[in-house]
Amino acid sequence: MKNRHQRWFRARIALLGLCVAVVAVVVLFRAFHLQIASGDRLREMAEGQHLRELRVSPRRGAIYDRHGAELAVSADVDSVYANPRRLKAMGEADLQDSRPRPGDAREAIVGGPLFRLDRTSSHAQ
């Protein structure tokens, strides 16, 4: 009787192991099919569904005080930037040559010198 129970128990374990192995083979086959066989086609479909180029205007809302007066508003202006590495590499002599001359139209718009090199600054070396 005990021998019969052991055989039935071993048969059930073997059947369970066979089912797990079949499921693992099916999952691996499906993963291979999705990743390797159909990967390029599915990637193109996914990018077409998720990627879209839009030009977004970075407008922000106005900020008002408690009486309704505008404290800050968005304004369209040109961007100006400087690369600190290039400025440092230029040296003061090159900066003197590239500075606008007194009476330059750009200085008149800004209302003073466009930039100033201050050697007493803690950042200057």
C-alpha atoms as a PDB file:
ATOM      1  CA  MET A   1       0.000   0.000   0.000  1.00  0.00           C
ATOM      2  CA  LYS A   2       2.783   2.391   0.896  1.00  0.00           C
ATOM      3  CA  ASN A   3       4.578   1.603  -2.362  1.00  0.00           C
ATOM      4  CA  ARG A   4       1.449   2.459  -4.332  1.00  0.00           C
ATOM      5  CA  HIS A   5       1.126   5.845  -2.597  1.00  0.00           C
ATOM      6  CA  GLN A   6       4.776   6.630  -3.306  1.00  0.00           C
ATOM      7  CA  ARG A   7       4.334   5.832  -6.993  1.00  0.00           C
ATOM      8  CA  TRP A   8       1.216   8.028  -7.208  1.00  0.00           C
ATOM      9  CA  PHE A   9       3.049  10.849  -5.370  1.00  0.00           C
ATOM     10  CA  ARG A  10       6.025  10.572  -7.764  1.00  0.00           C
ATOM     11  CA  ALA A  11       3.672  10.544 -10.762  1.00  0.00           C
ATOM     12  CA  ARG A  12       1.961  13.727  -9.553  1.00  0.00           C
ATOM     13  CA  ILE A  13       5.336  15.438  -8.983  1.00  0.00           C
ATOM     14  CA  ALA A  14       6.490  14.373 -12.466  1.00  0.00           C
ATOM     15  CA  LEU A  15       3.226  15.644 -14.005  1.00  0.00           C
ATOM     16  CA  LEU A  16       3.615  18.962 -12.173  1.00  0.00           C
ATOM     17  CA  GLY A  17       7.243  19.232 -13.330  1.00  0.00           C
ATOM     18  CA  LEU A  18       6.194  18.487 -16.917  1.00  0.00           C
ATOM     19  CA  CYS A  19       3.514  21.223 -16.770  1.00  0.00           C
ATOM     20  CA  VAL A  20       6.008  23.752 -15.399  1.00  0.00           C
ATOM     21  CA  ALA A  21       8.496  22.834 -18.131  1.00  0.00           C
ATOM     22  CA  VAL A  22       5.849  23.198 -20.875  1.00  0.00           C
ATOM     23  CA  VAL A  23       4.785  26.609 -19.547  1.00  0.00           C
ATOM     24  CA  ALA A  24       8.443  27.726 -19.367  1.00  0.00           C
ATOM     25  CA  VAL A  25       9.043  26.641 -22.982  1.00  0.00           C
ATOM     26  CA  VAL A  26       5.916  28.497 -24.141  1.00  0.00           C
ATOM     27  CA  VAL A  27       6.968  31.673 -22.297  1.00  0.00           C
ATOM     28  CA  LEU A  28      10.505  31.492 -23.701  1.00  0.00           C
ATOM     29  CA  PHE A  29       9.196  30.934 -27.234  1.00  0.00           C
ATOM     30  CA  ARG A  30       6.833  33.897 -26.921  1.00  0.00           C
ATOM     31  CA  ALA A  31       9.604  36.118 -25.530  1.00  0.00           C
ATOM     32  CA  PHE A  32      11.881  35.121 -28.431  1.00  0.00           C
ATOM     33  CA  HIS A  33       9.113  35.851 -30.913  1.00  0.00           C
ATOM     34  CA  LEU A  34       8.339  39.283 -29.429  1.00  0.00           C
ATOM     35  CA  GLN A  35      11.929  40.402 -28.863  1.00  0.00           C
ATOM     36  CA  ILE A  36      13.822  38.927 -31.791  1.00  0.00           C
ATOM     37  CA  ALA A  37      11.403  37.998 -34.572  1.00  0.00           C
ATOM     38  CA  SER A  38       8.950  40.934 -34.271  1.00  0.00           C
ATOM     39  CA  GLY A  39      11.120  43.393 -32.312  1.00  0.00           C
ATOM     40  CA  ASP A  40      11.803  45.938 -35.061  1.00  0.00           C
ATOM     41  CA  ARG A  41       8.209  46.095 -36.247  1.00  0.00           C
ATOM     42  CA  LEU A  42       6.835  46.404 -32.706  1.00  0.00           C
ATOM     43  CA  ARG A  43       9.430  49.069 -31.796  1.00  0.00           C
ATOM     44  CA  GLU A  44       8.367  51.196 -34.775  1.00  0.00           C
ATOM     45  CA  MET A  45       4.722  50.820 -33.813  1.00  0.00           C
ATOM     46  CA  ALA A  46       5.469  51.832 -30.211  1.00  0.00           C
ATOM     47  CA  GLU A  47       7.468  54.904 -31.222  1.00  0.00           C
ATOM     48  CA  GLY A  48       4.671  55.954 -33.555  1.00  0.00           C
ATOM     49  CA  GLN A  49       2.213  55.764 -30.677  1.00  0.00           C
ATOM     50  CA  HIS A  50       4.322  57.480 -28.014  1.00  0.00           C
ATOM     51  CA  LEU A  51       6.707  59.926 -29.658  1.00  0.00           C
ATOM     52  CA  ARG A  52       5.457  63.183 -31.057  1.00  0.00           C
ATOM     53  CA  GLU A  53       7.335  66.424 -31.551  1.00  0.00           C
ATOM     54  CA  LEU A  54       5.534  69.559 -30.438  1.00  0.00           C
ATOM     55  CA  ARG A  55       6.794  73.089 -30.179  1.00  0.00           C
ATOM     56  CA  VAL A  56       5.686  74.256 -26.776  1.00  0.00           C
ATOM     57  CA  SER A  57       5.785  77.904 -25.884  1.00  0.00           C
ATOM     58  CA  PRO A  58       7.110  78.240 -22.311  1.00  0.00           C
ATOM     59  CA  ARG A  59       4.554  80.835 -21.296  1.00  0.00           C
ATOM     60  CA  ARG A  60       3.936  81.195 -17.624  1.00  0.00           C
ATOM     61  CA  GLY A  61       1.018  82.836 -15.971  1.00  0.00           C
ATOM     62  CA  ALA A  62       1.212  86.236 -14.356  1.00  0.00           C
ATOM     63  CA  ILE A  63       1.723  86.558 -10.604  1.00  0.00           C
ATOM     64  CA  TYR A  64      -0.608  88.953  -8.820  1.00  0.00           C
ATOM     65  CA  ASP A  65      -0.536  90.437  -5.346  1.00  0.00           C
ATOM     66  CA  ARG A  66      -3.546  90.326  -3.052  1.00  0.00           C
ATOM     67  CA  HIS A  67      -4.954  93.520  -4.566  1.00  0.00           C
ATOM     68  CA  GLY A  68      -4.828  92.191  -8.136  1.00  0.00           C
ATOM     69  CA  ALA A  69      -1.777  94.165  -9.287  1.00  0.00           C
ATOM     70  CA  GLU A  70       0.653  92.259 -11.490  1.00  0.00           C
ATOM     71  CA  LEU A  71       3.925  91.460  -9.748  1.00  0.00           C
ATOM     72  CA  ALA A  72       5.501  89.330 -12.492  1.00  0.00           C
ATOM     73  CA  VAL A  73       4.486  88.658 -16.083  1.00  0.00           C
ATOM     74  CA  SER A  74       5.928  86.661 -18.960  1.00  0.00           C
ATOM     75  CA  ALA A  75       7.799  88.641 -21.585  1.00  0.00           C
ATOM     76  CA  ASP A  76       9.231  87.522 -24.920  1.00  0.00           C
ATOM     77  CA  VAL A  77      12.929  88.418 -25.013  1.00  0.00           C
ATOM     78  CA  ASP A  78      16.045  87.263 -26.833  1.00  0.00           C
ATOM     79  CA  SER A  79      18.346  84.880 -24.991  1.00  0.00           C
ATOM     80  CA  VAL A  80      21.921  85.790 -24.208  1.00  0.00           C
ATOM     81  CA  TYR A  81      24.421  83.379 -22.733  1.00  0.00           C
ATOM     82  CA  ALA A  82      28.142  83.034 -22.144  1.00  0.00           C
ATOM     83  CA  ASN A  83      30.242  79.905 -21.938  1.00  0.00           C
ATOM     84  CA  PRO A  84      32.403  80.394 -18.799  1.00  0.00           C
ATOM     85  CA  ARG A  85      35.129  78.085 -20.112  1.00  0.00           C
ATOM     86  CA  ARG A  86      35.511  80.135 -23.283  1.00  0.00           C
ATOM     87  CA  LEU A  87      35.482  83.414 -21.337  1.00  0.00           C
ATOM     88  CA  LYS A  88      38.183  82.133 -18.994  1.00  0.00           C
ATOM     89  CA  ALA A  89      40.257  80.894 -21.945  1.00  0.00           C
ATOM     90  CA  MET A  90      39.979  84.209 -23.800  1.00  0.00           C
ATOM     91  CA  GLY A  91      41.891  86.222 -21.230  1.00  0.00           C
ATOM     92  CA  GLU A  92      41.515  89.890 -20.422  1.00  0.00           C
ATOM     93  CA  ALA A  93      43.278  91.185 -23.574  1.00  0.00           C
ATOM     94  CA  ASP A  94      40.832  89.379 -25.829  1.00  0.00           C
ATOM     95  CA  LEU A  95      37.956  90.616 -23.702  1.00  0.00           C
ATOM     96  CA  GLN A  96      39.167  94.197 -24.113  1.00  0.00           C
ATOM     97  CA  ASP A  97      39.127  93.762 -27.910  1.00  0.00           C
ATOM     98  CA  SER A  98      35.647  92.249 -27.947  1.00  0.00           C
ATOM     99  CA  ARG A  99      34.032  94.843 -25.708  1.00  0.00           C
ATOM    100  CA  PRO A 100      31.745  97.344 -27.389  1.00  0.00           C
ATOM    101  CA  ARG A 101      33.186 100.774 -27.950  1.00  0.00           C
ATOM    102  CA  PRO A 102      31.797 103.698 -25.937  1.00  0.00           C
ATOM    103  CA  GLY A 103      28.646 104.979 -27.566  1.00  0.00           C
ATOM    104  CA  ASP A 104      27.879 101.590 -29.124  1.00  0.00           C
ATOM    105  CA  ALA A 105      24.169 101.196 -29.867  1.00  0.00           C
ATOM    106  CA  ARG A 106      23.998  98.100 -27.670  1.00  0.00           C
ATOM    107  CA  GLU A 107      25.196 100.075 -24.653  1.00  0.00           C
ATOM    108  CA  ALA A 108      22.567 102.724 -25.322  1.00  0.00           C
ATOM    109  CA  ILE A 109      19.825 100.099 -25.276  1.00  0.00           C
ATOM    110  CA  VAL A 110      20.999  98.525 -22.024  1.00  0.00           C
ATOM    111  CA  GLY A 111      21.819 101.854 -20.401  1.00  0.00           C
ATOM    112  CA  GLY A 112      25.462 101.159 -19.576  1.00  0.00           C
ATOM    113  CA  PRO A 113      28.310  98.769 -20.237  1.00  0.00           C
ATOM    114  CA  LEU A 114      27.172  95.376 -21.512  1.00  0.00           C
ATOM    115  CA  PHE A 115      29.442  93.527 -19.096  1.00  0.00           C
ATOM    116  CA  ARG A 116      32.215  94.264 -16.633  1.00  0.00           C
ATOM    117  CA  LEU A 117      35.260  92.220 -15.702  1.00  0.00           C
ATOM    118  CA  ASP A 118      35.856  92.627 -11.992  1.00  0.00           C
ATOM    119  CA  ARG A 119      39.246  91.286 -10.865  1.00  0.00           C
ATOM    120  CA  THR A 120      38.369  91.866  -7.190  1.00  0.00           C
ATOM    121  CA  SER A 121      35.607  89.270  -7.319  1.00  0.00           C
ATOM    122  CA  SER A 122      36.065  86.143  -5.221  1.00  0.00           C
ATOM    123  CA  HIS A 123      35.490  84.059  -8.392  1.00  0.00           C
ATOM    124  CA  ALA A 124      38.272  85.732 -10.385  1.00  0.00           C
ATOM    125  CA  GLN A 125      41.636  83.963 -10.414  1.00  0.00           C
END
